[in-house]
C-alpha atoms as a PDB file:
ATOM      1  CA  MET A   1      -6.371  -2.757  45.978  1.00  0.00           C
ATOM      2  CA  LEU A   2      -5.407  -6.450  46.029  1.00  0.00           C
ATOM      3  CA  ALA A   3      -1.841  -5.844  44.817  1.00  0.00           C
ATOM      4  CA  GLU A   4      -1.420  -2.877  47.149  1.00  0.00           C
ATOM      5  CA  LYS A   5      -2.403  -4.806  50.247  1.00  0.00           C
ATOM      6  CA  THR A   6      -0.140  -7.740  49.459  1.00  0.00           C
ATOM      7  CA  ARG A   7       2.973  -5.882  48.342  1.00  0.00           C
ATOM      8  CA  LEU A   8       5.115  -7.794  50.851  1.00  0.00           C
ATOM      9  CA  LEU A   9       4.700 -10.976  48.822  1.00  0.00           C
ATOM     10  CA  GLU A  10       6.241  -9.414  45.696  1.00  0.00           C
ATOM     11  CA  VAL A  11       4.470 -11.821  43.378  1.00  0.00           C
ATOM     12  CA  PRO A  12       4.207 -11.520  39.593  1.00  0.00           C
ATOM     13  CA  GLU A  13       1.020 -10.474  37.905  1.00  0.00           C
ATOM     14  CA  ALA A  14      -1.083 -13.301  36.560  1.00  0.00           C
ATOM     15  CA  VAL A  15      -3.891 -13.562  34.060  1.00  0.00           C
ATOM     16  CA  GLU A  16      -7.112 -14.794  35.615  1.00  0.00           C
ATOM     17  CA  ASP A  17      -8.163 -18.071  34.047  1.00  0.00           C
ATOM     18  CA  GLU A  18     -10.764 -19.201  36.557  1.00  0.00           C
ATOM     19  CA  VAL A  19     -14.245 -18.749  35.147  1.00  0.00           C
ATOM     20  CA  GLU A  20     -16.074 -19.601  38.364  1.00  0.00           C
ATOM     21  CA  GLU A  21     -16.444 -16.529  40.573  1.00  0.00           C
ATOM     22  CA  THR A  22     -16.388 -16.613  44.355  1.00  0.00           C
ATOM     23  CA  THR A  23     -18.378 -14.053  46.302  1.00  0.00           C
ATOM     24  CA  PHE A  24     -16.614 -13.280  49.568  1.00  0.00           C
ATOM     25  CA  PRO A  25     -18.497 -11.651  52.451  1.00  0.00           C
ATOM     26  CA  ASP A  26     -15.314  -9.879  53.571  1.00  0.00           C
ATOM     27  CA  GLU A  27     -12.473  -8.306  51.547  1.00  0.00           C
ATOM     28  CA  ARG A  28      -9.783  -9.223  54.073  1.00  0.00           C
ATOM     29  CA  LEU A  29     -10.929 -12.848  54.096  1.00  0.00           C
ATOM     30  CA  GLU A  30     -10.720 -12.779  50.305  1.00  0.00           C
ATOM     31  CA  LEU A  31      -7.108 -11.612  50.564  1.00  0.00           C
ATOM     32  CA  ILE A  32      -6.250 -14.382  53.019  1.00  0.00           C
ATOM     33  CA  PHE A  33      -7.660 -17.058  50.704  1.00  0.00           C
ATOM     34  CA  THR A  34      -5.720 -15.494  47.840  1.00  0.00           C
ATOM     35  CA  CYS A  35      -2.435 -15.598  49.751  1.00  0.00           C
ATOM     36  CA  CYS A  36      -2.875 -19.200  50.934  1.00  0.00           C
ATOM     37  CA  HIS A  37      -1.805 -20.799  47.662  1.00  0.00           C
ATOM     38  CA  PRO A  38      -1.557 -24.629  47.864  1.00  0.00           C
ATOM     39  CA  SER A  39       1.635 -24.695  45.786  1.00  0.00           C
ATOM     40  CA  LEU A  40       3.379 -23.543  48.955  1.00  0.00           C
ATOM     41  CA  GLY A  41       3.686 -25.755  52.009  1.00  0.00           C
ATOM     42  CA  LEU A  42       1.096 -25.213  54.736  1.00  0.00           C
ATOM     43  CA  GLU A  43       3.564 -23.522  57.077  1.00  0.00           C
ATOM     44  CA  ALA A  44       4.770 -21.193  54.317  1.00  0.00           C
ATOM     45  CA  GLN A  45       1.198 -20.269  53.388  1.00  0.00           C
ATOM     46  CA  VAL A  46       0.364 -19.410  56.983  1.00  0.00           C
ATOM     47  CA  ALA A  47       3.603 -17.550  57.721  1.00  0.00           C
ATOM     48  CA  LEU A  48       3.501 -15.438  54.558  1.00  0.00           C
ATOM     49  CA  THR A  49      -0.140 -14.529  55.069  1.00  0.00           C
ATOM     50  CA  LEU A  50       0.388 -13.606  58.703  1.00  0.00           C
ATOM     51  CA  ARG A  51       3.279 -11.402  57.693  1.00  0.00           C
ATOM     52  CA  ALA A  52       1.529  -9.716  54.789  1.00  0.00           C
ATOM     53  CA  LEU A  53      -2.029  -9.415  56.078  1.00  0.00           C
ATOM     54  CA  GLY A  54      -2.319 -10.564  59.667  1.00  0.00           C
ATOM     55  CA  GLY A  55      -0.676  -7.612  61.342  1.00  0.00           C
ATOM     56  CA  LEU A  56       1.957  -9.839  62.966  1.00  0.00           C
ATOM     57  CA  ARG A  57       5.679  -9.126  63.095  1.00  0.00           C
ATOM     58  CA  THR A  58       8.230 -11.780  62.150  1.00  0.00           C
ATOM     59  CA  GLU A  59       9.086 -12.191  65.832  1.00  0.00           C
ATOM     60  CA  GLU A  60       5.445 -12.941  66.665  1.00  0.00           C
ATOM     61  CA  ILE A  61       5.123 -15.419  63.798  1.00  0.00           C
ATOM     62  CA  ALA A  62       8.298 -17.177  64.941  1.00  0.00           C
ATOM     63  CA  ARG A  63       6.839 -17.579  68.429  1.00  0.00           C
ATOM     64  CA  ALA A  64       3.670 -19.064  66.958  1.00  0.00           C
ATOM     65  CA  PHE A  65       5.745 -21.708  65.156  1.00  0.00           C
ATOM     66  CA  LEU A  66       8.109 -22.254  68.130  1.00  0.00           C
ATOM     67  CA  VAL A  67      11.222 -21.350  66.128  1.00  0.00           C
ATOM     68  CA  PRO A  68      13.870 -18.598  66.498  1.00  0.00           C
ATOM     69  CA  GLU A  69      13.164 -15.319  64.730  1.00  0.00           C
ATOM     70  CA  GLU A  70      16.135 -15.748  62.371  1.00  0.00           C
ATOM     71  CA  THR A  71      14.827 -19.177  61.334  1.00  0.00           C
ATOM     72  CA  MET A  72      11.446 -17.681  60.477  1.00  0.00           C
ATOM     73  CA  LYS A  73      13.102 -14.859  58.507  1.00  0.00           C
ATOM     74  CA  ARG A  74      14.873 -17.456  56.365  1.00  0.00           C
ATOM     75  CA  ARG A  75      11.666 -19.444  55.862  1.00  0.00           C
ATOM     76  CA  LEU A  76       9.769 -16.350  54.785  1.00  0.00           C
ATOM     77  CA  SER A  77      12.535 -15.410  52.364  1.00  0.00           C
ATOM     78  CA  ARG A  78      12.550 -18.905  50.829  1.00  0.00           C
ATOM     79  CA  ALA A  79       8.770 -18.846  50.447  1.00  0.00           C
ATOM     80  CA  LYS A  80       8.863 -15.448  48.734  1.00  0.00           C
ATOM     81  CA  ARG A  81      11.552 -16.692  46.350  1.00  0.00           C
ATOM     82  CA  LYS A  82       9.456 -19.715  45.500  1.00  0.00           C
ATOM     83  CA  VAL A  83       6.463 -17.521  44.756  1.00  0.00           C
ATOM     84  CA  ARG A  84       8.592 -15.325  42.500  1.00  0.00           C
ATOM     85  CA  ASP A  85      10.690 -17.981  40.760  1.00  0.00           C
ATOM     86  CA  ALA A  86       7.874 -20.457  40.174  1.00  0.00           C
ATOM     87  CA  GLY A  87       5.497 -17.755  38.962  1.00  0.00           C
ATOM     88  CA  ILE A  88       2.819 -18.941  41.361  1.00  0.00           C
ATOM     89  CA  PRO A  89      -0.402 -17.239  40.215  1.00  0.00           C
ATOM     90  CA  PHE A  90      -1.719 -14.733  42.703  1.00  0.00           C
ATOM     91  CA  ARG A  91      -5.467 -14.456  42.292  1.00  0.00           C
ATOM     92  CA  VAL A  92      -8.755 -15.007  44.030  1.00  0.00           C
ATOM     93  CA  PRO A  93      -9.557 -18.745  44.052  1.00  0.00           C
ATOM     94  CA  ALA A  94     -12.724 -20.102  42.516  1.00  0.00           C
ATOM     95  CA  ALA A  95     -15.334 -21.579  44.847  1.00  0.00           C
ATOM     96  CA  HIS A  96     -14.325 -25.200  44.175  1.00  0.00           C
ATOM     97  CA  ARG A  97     -10.725 -24.298  45.163  1.00  0.00           C
ATOM     98  CA  LEU A  98     -11.618 -22.979  48.611  1.00  0.00           C
ATOM     99  CA  PRO A  99     -11.504 -26.315  50.522  1.00  0.00           C
ATOM    100  CA  GLU A 100      -7.882 -26.979  49.543  1.00  0.00           C
ATOM    101  CA  ARG A 101      -6.918 -23.651  51.093  1.00  0.00           C
ATOM    102  CA  LEU A 102      -9.116 -23.929  54.166  1.00  0.00           C
ATOM    103  CA  ALA A 103      -6.556 -25.491  56.544  1.00  0.00           C
ATOM    104  CA  ALA A 104      -4.153 -22.594  56.012  1.00  0.00           C
ATOM    105  CA  VAL A 105      -6.903 -19.980  56.281  1.00  0.00           C
ATOM    106  CA  LEU A 106      -8.129 -21.469  59.560  1.00  0.00           C
ATOM    107  CA  ALA A 107      -4.580 -21.474  60.910  1.00  0.00           C
ATOM    108  CA  VAL A 108      -4.091 -17.828  59.924  1.00  0.00           C
ATOM    109  CA  VAL A 109      -7.285 -16.699  61.641  1.00  0.00           C
ATOM    110  CA  TYR A 110      -6.550 -18.751  64.759  1.00  0.00           C
ATOM    111  CA  LEU A 111      -2.985 -17.456  65.096  1.00  0.00           C
ATOM    112  CA  ILE A 112      -4.221 -13.873  64.723  1.00  0.00           C
ATOM    113  CA  PHE A 113      -6.690 -14.608  67.507  1.00  0.00           C
ATOM    114  CA  ASN A 114      -4.027 -16.179  69.705  1.00  0.00           C
ATOM    115  CA  GLU A 115      -1.823 -13.125  69.403  1.00  0.00           C
ATOM    116  CA  GLY A 116      -4.794 -10.975  70.347  1.00  0.00           C
ATOM    117  CA  TYR A 117      -5.730 -13.267  73.233  1.00  0.00           C
ATOM    118  CA  GLY A 118      -2.374 -12.435  74.810  1.00  0.00           C
ATOM    119  CA  GLY A 119      -3.458  -8.835  75.233  1.00  0.00           C
ATOM    120  CA  ARG A 120      -4.004  -7.238  71.801  1.00  0.00           C
ATOM    121  CA  GLY A 121      -7.763  -6.899  71.743  1.00  0.00           C
ATOM    122  CA  ASP A 122      -7.754  -5.402  68.244  1.00  0.00           C
ATOM    123  CA  LEU A 123      -6.337  -8.618  66.801  1.00  0.00           C
ATOM    124  CA  ALA A 124      -8.768 -10.799  68.756  1.00  0.00           C
ATOM    125  CA  ASN A 125     -11.696  -8.756  67.459  1.00  0.00           C
ATOM    126  CA  GLU A 126     -10.365  -8.971  63.905  1.00  0.00           C
ATOM    127  CA  ALA A 127     -10.081 -12.753  64.166  1.00  0.00           C
ATOM    128  CA  LEU A 128     -13.638 -13.023  65.477  1.00  0.00           C
ATOM    129  CA  ARG A 129     -14.887 -10.907  62.574  1.00  0.00           C
ATOM    130  CA  LEU A 130     -12.973 -13.041  60.068  1.00  0.00           C
ATOM    131  CA  GLY A 131     -14.367 -16.191  61.672  1.00  0.00           C
ATOM    132  CA  ALA A 132     -17.927 -14.952  61.292  1.00  0.00           C
ATOM    133  CA  ALA A 133     -17.304 -14.105  57.633  1.00  0.00           C
ATOM    134  CA  LEU A 134     -15.732 -17.525  57.087  1.00  0.00           C
ATOM    135  CA  ALA A 135     -18.783 -19.252  58.574  1.00  0.00           C
ATOM    136  CA  GLU A 136     -20.976 -17.275  56.179  1.00  0.00           C
ATOM    137  CA  LEU A 137     -18.789 -18.255  53.228  1.00  0.00           C
ATOM    138  CA  MET A 138     -18.470 -21.970  54.110  1.00  0.00           C
ATOM    139  CA  PRO A 139     -21.464 -22.883  56.324  1.00  0.00           C
ATOM    140  CA  ASP A 140     -21.120 -26.638  55.769  1.00  0.00           C
ATOM    141  CA  GLU A 141     -17.545 -26.922  57.074  1.00  0.00           C
ATOM    142  CA  ALA A 142     -17.457 -28.282  60.634  1.00  0.00           C
ATOM    143  CA  GLU A 143     -13.961 -26.983  61.316  1.00  0.00           C
ATOM    144  CA  VAL A 144     -15.048 -23.436  60.458  1.00  0.00           C
ATOM    145  CA  HIS A 145     -17.782 -23.567  63.096  1.00  0.00           C
ATOM    146  CA  GLY A 146     -15.356 -25.286  65.462  1.00  0.00           C
ATOM    147  CA  LEU A 147     -12.893 -22.418  65.135  1.00  0.00           C
ATOM    148  CA  VAL A 148     -15.628 -19.817  65.614  1.00  0.00           C
ATOM    149  CA  ALA A 149     -16.802 -21.668  68.727  1.00  0.00           C
ATOM    150  CA  LEU A 150     -13.276 -21.921  70.115  1.00  0.00           C
ATOM    151  CA  MET A 151     -12.576 -18.216  69.655  1.00  0.00           C
ATOM    152  CA  LEU A 152     -15.898 -17.125  71.128  1.00  0.00           C
ATOM    153  CA  LEU A 153     -15.551 -19.363  74.185  1.00  0.00           C
ATOM    154  CA  ASP A 154     -12.000 -18.238  74.871  1.00  0.00           C
ATOM    155  CA  ASP A 155     -12.787 -14.582  74.216  1.00  0.00           C
ATOM    156  CA  ALA A 156     -15.745 -14.757  76.594  1.00  0.00           C
ATOM    157  CA  ARG A 157     -13.204 -14.823  79.435  1.00  0.00           C
ATOM    158  CA  ARG A 158     -11.142 -11.899  78.138  1.00  0.00           C
ATOM    159  CA  ASP A 159     -12.206  -9.354  80.795  1.00  0.00           C
ATOM    160  CA  ALA A 160     -11.623 -11.853  83.601  1.00  0.00           C
ATOM    161  CA  ARG A 161      -8.109 -12.810  82.490  1.00  0.00           C
ATOM    162  CA  PHE A 162      -6.561  -9.615  83.814  1.00  0.00           C
ATOM    163  CA  ASP A 163      -6.953  -7.691  87.054  1.00  0.00           C
ATOM    164  CA  ASP A 164      -5.277  -4.274  87.042  1.00  0.00           C
ATOM    165  CA  GLY A 165      -2.943  -5.574  84.353  1.00  0.00           C
ATOM    166  CA  ASP A 166      -2.060  -8.757  86.233  1.00  0.00           C
ATOM    167  CA  LEU A 167      -2.728 -12.183  84.698  1.00  0.00           C
ATOM    168  CA  VAL A 168      -5.475 -14.217  86.399  1.00  0.00           C
ATOM    169  CA  LEU A 169      -5.483 -17.991  85.868  1.00  0.00           C
ATOM    170  CA  LEU A 170      -8.701 -19.752  84.885  1.00  0.00           C
ATOM    171  CA  ALA A 171      -9.250 -21.279  88.335  1.00  0.00           C
ATOM    172  CA  ASP A 172      -9.039 -17.836  89.958  1.00  0.00           C
ATOM    173  CA  GLN A 173     -11.171 -15.891  87.484  1.00  0.00           C
ATOM    174  CA  ASP A 174     -14.357 -14.121  88.516  1.00  0.00           C
ATOM    175  CA  ARG A 175     -17.022 -15.932  86.526  1.00  0.00           C
ATOM    176  CA  MET A 176     -19.314 -12.947  86.870  1.00  0.00           C
ATOM    177  CA  ARG A 177     -16.977 -11.158  84.451  1.00  0.00           C
ATOM    178  CA  TRP A 178     -17.384 -13.837  81.773  1.00  0.00           C
ATOM    179  CA  ASP A 179     -19.447 -12.817  78.749  1.00  0.00           C
ATOM    180  CA  THR A 180     -22.441 -15.169  78.923  1.00  0.00           C
ATOM    181  CA  ALA A 181     -23.732 -14.068  75.516  1.00  0.00           C
ATOM    182  CA  LYS A 182     -20.449 -15.083  73.871  1.00  0.00           C
ATOM    183  CA  ILE A 183     -20.482 -18.390  75.735  1.00  0.00           C
ATOM    184  CA  ALA A 184     -23.979 -19.091  74.412  1.00  0.00           C
ATOM    185  CA  ARG A 185     -22.948 -18.158  70.855  1.00  0.00           C
ATOM    186  CA  GLY A 186     -19.812 -20.266  71.156  1.00  0.00           C
ATOM    187  CA  ARG A 187     -21.733 -23.315  72.294  1.00  0.00           C
ATOM    188  CA  GLU A 188     -24.261 -22.769  69.521  1.00  0.00           C
ATOM    189  CA  SER A 189     -21.411 -22.783  66.981  1.00  0.00           C
ATOM    190  CA  LEU A 190     -20.014 -25.929  68.591  1.00  0.00           C
ATOM    191  CA  ASP A 191     -23.422 -27.608  68.276  1.00  0.00           C
ATOM    192  CA  ARG A 192     -23.501 -26.651  64.578  1.00  0.00           C
ATOM    193  CA  ALA A 193     -20.052 -28.157  64.098  1.00  0.00           C
ATOM    194  CA  LEU A 194     -20.984 -31.393  65.855  1.00  0.00           C
ATOM    195  CA  ALA A 195     -24.181 -31.638  63.809  1.00  0.00           C
ATOM    196  CA  LEU A 196     -21.985 -31.865  60.696  1.00  0.00           C
ATOM    197  CA  HIS A 197     -20.484 -35.105  62.086  1.00  0.00           C
ATOM    198  CA  ALA A 198     -16.838 -34.148  61.678  1.00  0.00           C
ATOM    199  CA  ALA A 199     -14.605 -33.688  64.698  1.00  0.00           C
ATOM    200  CA  GLY A 200     -11.361 -32.124  63.510  1.00  0.00           C
ATOM    201  CA  PRO A 201      -8.806 -30.297  65.682  1.00  0.00           C
ATOM    202  CA  TYR A 202     -10.777 -27.054  66.023  1.00  0.00           C
ATOM    203  CA  VAL A 203     -13.989 -28.853  66.940  1.00  0.00           C
ATOM    204  CA  VAL A 204     -12.147 -30.851  69.616  1.00  0.00           C
ATOM    205  CA  GLN A 205     -10.490 -27.710  70.980  1.00  0.00           C
ATOM    206  CA  ALA A 206     -13.876 -25.990  71.125  1.00  0.00           C
ATOM    207  CA  ALA A 207     -15.311 -28.946  73.037  1.00  0.00           C
ATOM    208  CA  ILE A 208     -12.434 -28.639  75.531  1.00  0.00           C
ATOM    209  CA  ALA A 209     -13.026 -24.887  75.861  1.00  0.00           C
ATOM    210  CA  SER A 210     -16.708 -25.541  76.522  1.00  0.00           C
ATOM    211  CA  LEU A 211     -15.880 -28.045  79.267  1.00  0.00           C
ATOM    212  CA  HIS A 212     -13.610 -25.466  80.869  1.00  0.00           C
ATOM    213  CA  MET A 213     -16.713 -23.314  81.371  1.00  0.00           C
ATOM    214  CA  ASP A 214     -18.312 -25.968  83.584  1.00  0.00           C
ATOM    215  CA  GLU A 215     -17.933 -26.137  87.327  1.00  0.00           C
ATOM    216  CA  PRO A 216     -16.739 -28.527  88.581  1.00  0.00           C
ATOM    217  CA  HIS A 217     -14.407 -29.440  85.723  1.00  0.00           C
ATOM    218  CA  ASP A 218     -14.588 -32.929  84.263  1.00  0.00           C
ATOM    219  CA  TRP A 219     -10.815 -33.339  84.073  1.00  0.00           C
ATOM    220  CA  GLN A 220     -10.995 -36.960  82.946  1.00  0.00           C
ATOM    221  CA  GLU A 221     -13.060 -35.946  79.916  1.00  0.00           C
ATOM    222  CA  ILE A 222     -10.810 -32.965  79.221  1.00  0.00           C
ATOM    223  CA  ALA A 223      -7.741 -35.205  79.374  1.00  0.00           C
ATOM    224  CA  ALA A 224      -9.411 -37.698  77.024  1.00  0.00           C
ATOM    225  CA  LEU A 225     -10.221 -34.950  74.517  1.00  0.00           C
ATOM    226  CA  TYR A 226      -6.625 -33.732  74.659  1.00  0.00           C
ATOM    227  CA  GLY A 227      -5.591 -37.295  73.911  1.00  0.00           C
ATOM    228  CA  GLU A 228      -7.777 -37.261  70.801  1.00  0.00           C
ATOM    229  CA  LEU A 229      -6.408 -33.839  69.838  1.00  0.00           C
ATOM    230  CA  ALA A 230      -2.852 -35.136  70.215  1.00  0.00           C
ATOM    231  CA  ARG A 231      -3.728 -38.029  67.910  1.00  0.00           C
ATOM    232  CA  LEU A 232      -5.114 -35.609  65.308  1.00  0.00           C
ATOM    233  CA  THR A 233      -2.273 -33.094  65.443  1.00  0.00           C
ATOM    234  CA  GLY A 234       0.848 -34.853  66.741  1.00  0.00           C
ATOM    235  CA  SER A 235       1.595 -31.587  68.556  1.00  0.00           C
ATOM    236  CA  PRO A 236       3.876 -31.558  71.613  1.00  0.00           C
ATOM    237  CA  VAL A 237       2.036 -28.442  72.817  1.00  0.00           C
ATOM    238  CA  VAL A 238      -1.171 -30.484  72.900  1.00  0.00           C
ATOM    239  CA  GLU A 239       0.649 -33.180  74.854  1.00  0.00           C
ATOM    240  CA  LEU A 240       1.697 -30.515  77.333  1.00  0.00           C
ATOM    241  CA  ASN A 241      -1.922 -29.460  77.773  1.00  0.00           C
ATOM    242  CA  ARG A 242      -2.953 -33.094  78.192  1.00  0.00           C
ATOM    243  CA  ALA A 243      -0.389 -33.403  80.963  1.00  0.00           C
ATOM    244  CA  ILE A 244      -1.986 -30.433  82.748  1.00  0.00           C
ATOM    245  CA  ALA A 245      -5.410 -32.085  82.568  1.00  0.00           C
ATOM    246  CA  VAL A 246      -3.974 -35.412  83.765  1.00  0.00           C
ATOM    247  CA  ALA A 247      -2.360 -33.591  86.690  1.00  0.00           C
ATOM    248  CA  GLU A 248      -5.779 -32.259  87.681  1.00  0.00           C
ATOM    249  CA  ALA A 249      -7.443 -35.649  87.272  1.00  0.00           C
ATOM    250  CA  GLU A 250      -4.763 -37.918  88.741  1.00  0.00           C
ATOM    251  CA  GLY A 251      -2.393 -35.653  90.638  1.00  0.00           C
ATOM    252  CA  PRO A 252       0.716 -33.554  89.882  1.00  0.00           C
ATOM    253  CA  GLU A 253       3.090 -36.520  89.889  1.00  0.00           C
ATOM    254  CA  ALA A 254       1.201 -38.168  87.022  1.00  0.00           C
ATOM    255  CA  GLY A 255       1.151 -34.882  85.127  1.00  0.00           C
ATOM    256  CA  LEU A 256       4.870 -34.285  85.669  1.00  0.00           C
ATOM    257  CA  ALA A 257       5.702 -37.723  84.289  1.00  0.00           C
ATOM    258  CA  LEU A 258       3.934 -36.756  81.041  1.00  0.00           C
ATOM    259  CA  VAL A 259       5.513 -33.298  80.919  1.00  0.00           C
ATOM    260  CA  ASP A 260       8.964 -34.809  81.186  1.00  0.00           C
ATOM    261  CA  ARG A 261       8.261 -36.829  78.031  1.00  0.00           C
ATOM    262  CA  VAL A 262       7.515 -33.683  76.014  1.00  0.00           C
ATOM    263  CA  GLY A 263      10.498 -32.224  74.152  1.00  0.00           C
ATOM    264  CA  LEU A 264       9.738 -28.513  74.417  1.00  0.00           C
ATOM    265  CA  ASP A 265      12.786 -27.055  76.113  1.00  0.00           C
ATOM    266  CA  GLY A 266      12.907 -23.377  75.190  1.00  0.00           C
ATOM    267  CA  TYR A 267       9.108 -23.047  75.194  1.00  0.00           C
ATOM    268  CA  GLN A 268       7.925 -20.713  77.948  1.00  0.00           C
ATOM    269  CA  TYR A 269       4.829 -22.672  78.889  1.00  0.00           C
ATOM    270  CA  PHE A 270       6.725 -25.962  79.131  1.00  0.00           C
ATOM    271  CA  HIS A 271       8.869 -24.476  81.876  1.00  0.00           C
ATOM    272  CA  SER A 272       6.010 -22.700  83.664  1.00  0.00           C
ATOM    273  CA  THR A 273       3.895 -25.871  83.575  1.00  0.00           C
ATOM    274  CA  ARG A 274       6.735 -27.983  84.905  1.00  0.00           C
ATOM    275  CA  ALA A 275       7.395 -25.350  87.565  1.00  0.00           C
ATOM    276  CA  ASP A 276       3.776 -25.375  88.717  1.00  0.00           C
ATOM    277  CA  LEU A 277       3.710 -29.158  89.062  1.00  0.00           C
ATOM    278  CA  LEU A 278       6.994 -29.106  90.994  1.00  0.00           C
ATOM    279  CA  ARG A 279       5.548 -26.389  93.240  1.00  0.00           C
ATOM    280  CA  ARG A 280       2.524 -28.558  93.971  1.00  0.00           C
ATOM    281  CA  LEU A 281       4.882 -31.413  94.839  1.00  0.00           C
ATOM    282  CA  ASP A 282       6.731 -29.133  97.334  1.00  0.00           C
ATOM    283  CA  ARG A 283       9.915 -29.237  95.244  1.00  0.00           C
ATOM    284  CA  ALA A 284      10.515 -25.506  95.643  1.00  0.00           C
ATOM    285  CA  GLU A 285      14.123 -25.326  94.515  1.00  0.00           C
ATOM    286  CA  GLU A 286      13.424 -27.094  91.231  1.00  0.00           C
ATOM    287  CA  ALA A 287      10.233 -25.086  90.777  1.00  0.00           C
ATOM    288  CA  SER A 288      12.070 -21.788  91.213  1.00  0.00           C
ATOM    289  CA  THR A 289      14.596 -22.796  88.549  1.00  0.00           C
ATOM    290  CA  GLU A 290      11.826 -23.649  86.091  1.00  0.00           C
ATOM    291  CA  TYR A 291       9.908 -20.442  86.825  1.00  0.00           C
ATOM    292  CA  ALA A 292      13.113 -18.459  86.288  1.00  0.00           C
ATOM    293  CA  ARG A 293      13.617 -20.151  82.917  1.00  0.00           C
ATOM    294  CA  ALA A 294      10.015 -19.354  81.935  1.00  0.00           C
ATOM    295  CA  LEU A 295      10.620 -15.746  83.000  1.00  0.00           C
ATOM    296  CA  GLU A 296      13.610 -15.542  80.651  1.00  0.00           C
ATOM    297  CA  LEU A 297      11.385 -16.657  77.774  1.00  0.00           C
ATOM    298  CA  ALA A 298       8.318 -14.526  78.591  1.00  0.00           C
ATOM    299  CA  HIS A 299       7.468 -11.724  76.156  1.00  0.00           C
ATOM    300  CA  SER A 300       4.531  -9.929  77.764  1.00  0.00           C
ATOM    301  CA  GLU A 301       4.833  -7.773  80.851  1.00  0.00           C
ATOM    302  CA  HIS A 302       1.779  -9.282  82.575  1.00  0.00           C
ATOM    303  CA  GLU A 303       3.247 -12.770  82.214  1.00  0.00           C
ATOM    304  CA  ARG A 304       6.588 -11.585  83.581  1.00  0.00           C
ATOM    305  CA  ARG A 305       4.847 -10.102  86.630  1.00  0.00           C
ATOM    306  CA  PHE A 306       2.935 -13.332  87.176  1.00  0.00           C
ATOM    307  CA  LEU A 307       6.099 -15.441  87.004  1.00  0.00           C
ATOM    308  CA  LYS A 308       7.926 -13.121  89.393  1.00  0.00           C
ATOM    309  CA  ARG A 309       5.082 -13.570  91.891  1.00  0.00           C
ATOM    310  CA  ARG A 310       5.334 -17.325  91.513  1.00  0.00           C
ATOM    311  CA  ILE A 311       9.091 -17.234  92.110  1.00  0.00           C
ATOM    312  CA  ALA A 312       8.532 -15.189  95.267  1.00  0.00           C
ATOM    313  CA  GLU A 313       5.910 -17.676  96.464  1.00  0.00           C
ATOM    314  CA  VAL A 314       8.020 -20.804  96.002  1.00  0.00           C
ATOM    315  CA  CYS A 315      11.009 -19.101  97.637  1.00  0.00           C
ATOM    316  CA  ALA A 316       9.022 -17.783 100.591  1.00  0.00           C
ATOM    317  CA  LYS A 317      10.236 -20.630 102.827  1.00  0.00           C
ATOM    318  CA  VAL A 318      13.788 -20.702 101.548  1.00  0.00           C
ATOM    319  CA  ILE A 319      16.579 -18.229 100.869  1.00  0.00           C
ATOM    320  CA  TRP A 320      16.811 -16.632  97.425  1.00  0.00           C
ATOM    321  CA  ASN A 321      20.164 -16.037  95.844  1.00  0.00           C
ATOM    322  CA  GLU A 322      21.408 -15.691  92.277  1.00  0.00           C
ATOM    323  CA  GLY A 323      21.977 -19.425  92.334  1.00  0.00           C
ATOM    324  CA  GLY A 324      18.360 -20.113  93.180  1.00  0.00           C
ATOM    325  CA  CYS A 325      16.537 -21.319  96.283  1.00  0.00           C
ATOM    326  CA  TRP A 326      17.914 -23.625  98.926  1.00  0.00           C
ATOM    327  CA  ARG A 327      16.803 -24.797 102.356  1.00  0.00           C
END
């Protein structure tokens, strides 16, 4: 069964030399831990596992890593060659080996969830199931509970994110459609993570997600948490989210100044974020150009419809032509 489900990796058979057995509460989670071998780099572990077990296409994995599809194809091929040429043993890790694989496993589960959050409910449900099994397997790991909390809190808003197939932003969502039971479970998982006195990236993201459930929003606190998350991850995507929070706390001009320091040209949400801040600053022509660029990069139909509506809104007071808007 193990070899059959991981055929894409094309790894050599290996003799099991670990004497310590690990009892996994879920077969699929066992496979993910097996694939995330520390002899590979973290990105290679995650990409290979997503391709072999996560139900994601190469194109979807490339989007998750913000690289072109051809680049990801080459990276996957190199990782497979390394597995084959180095004879990396492919077997279930012993219990004491689980922590060294945890970062990759968490990333795999979270990226499966993210793909599902964009509209594929089957993947979101699978990620939630894997998260619950992971919490059962490693109950003393704060980041495990942080990830479970993050997924539950985000998924609690799933039904409110779409209205007749159209994307609904957080500020416009009907809170009556939020799943209060999932919110309670998510906050309980966050409390368990915080009780373990370790605030890694998933715990911080869960804390941000929890604050997003409050009304009114404490944007200063959200911005501060994004600052801490940026320090932990060094991610430009996190910096982009911090800029959004700063824009809410201090105004769109302050947020735009931060966005313009983020090097994410070619990333859909960079352009849509910049467009929204320009729209709020009444810079319609520039906003329409940024929305159009985001539209070029959008992959889902509901996001394309949303961006087209935004373009129509910012051009309502000007004339639209192929060259853009002008007064």
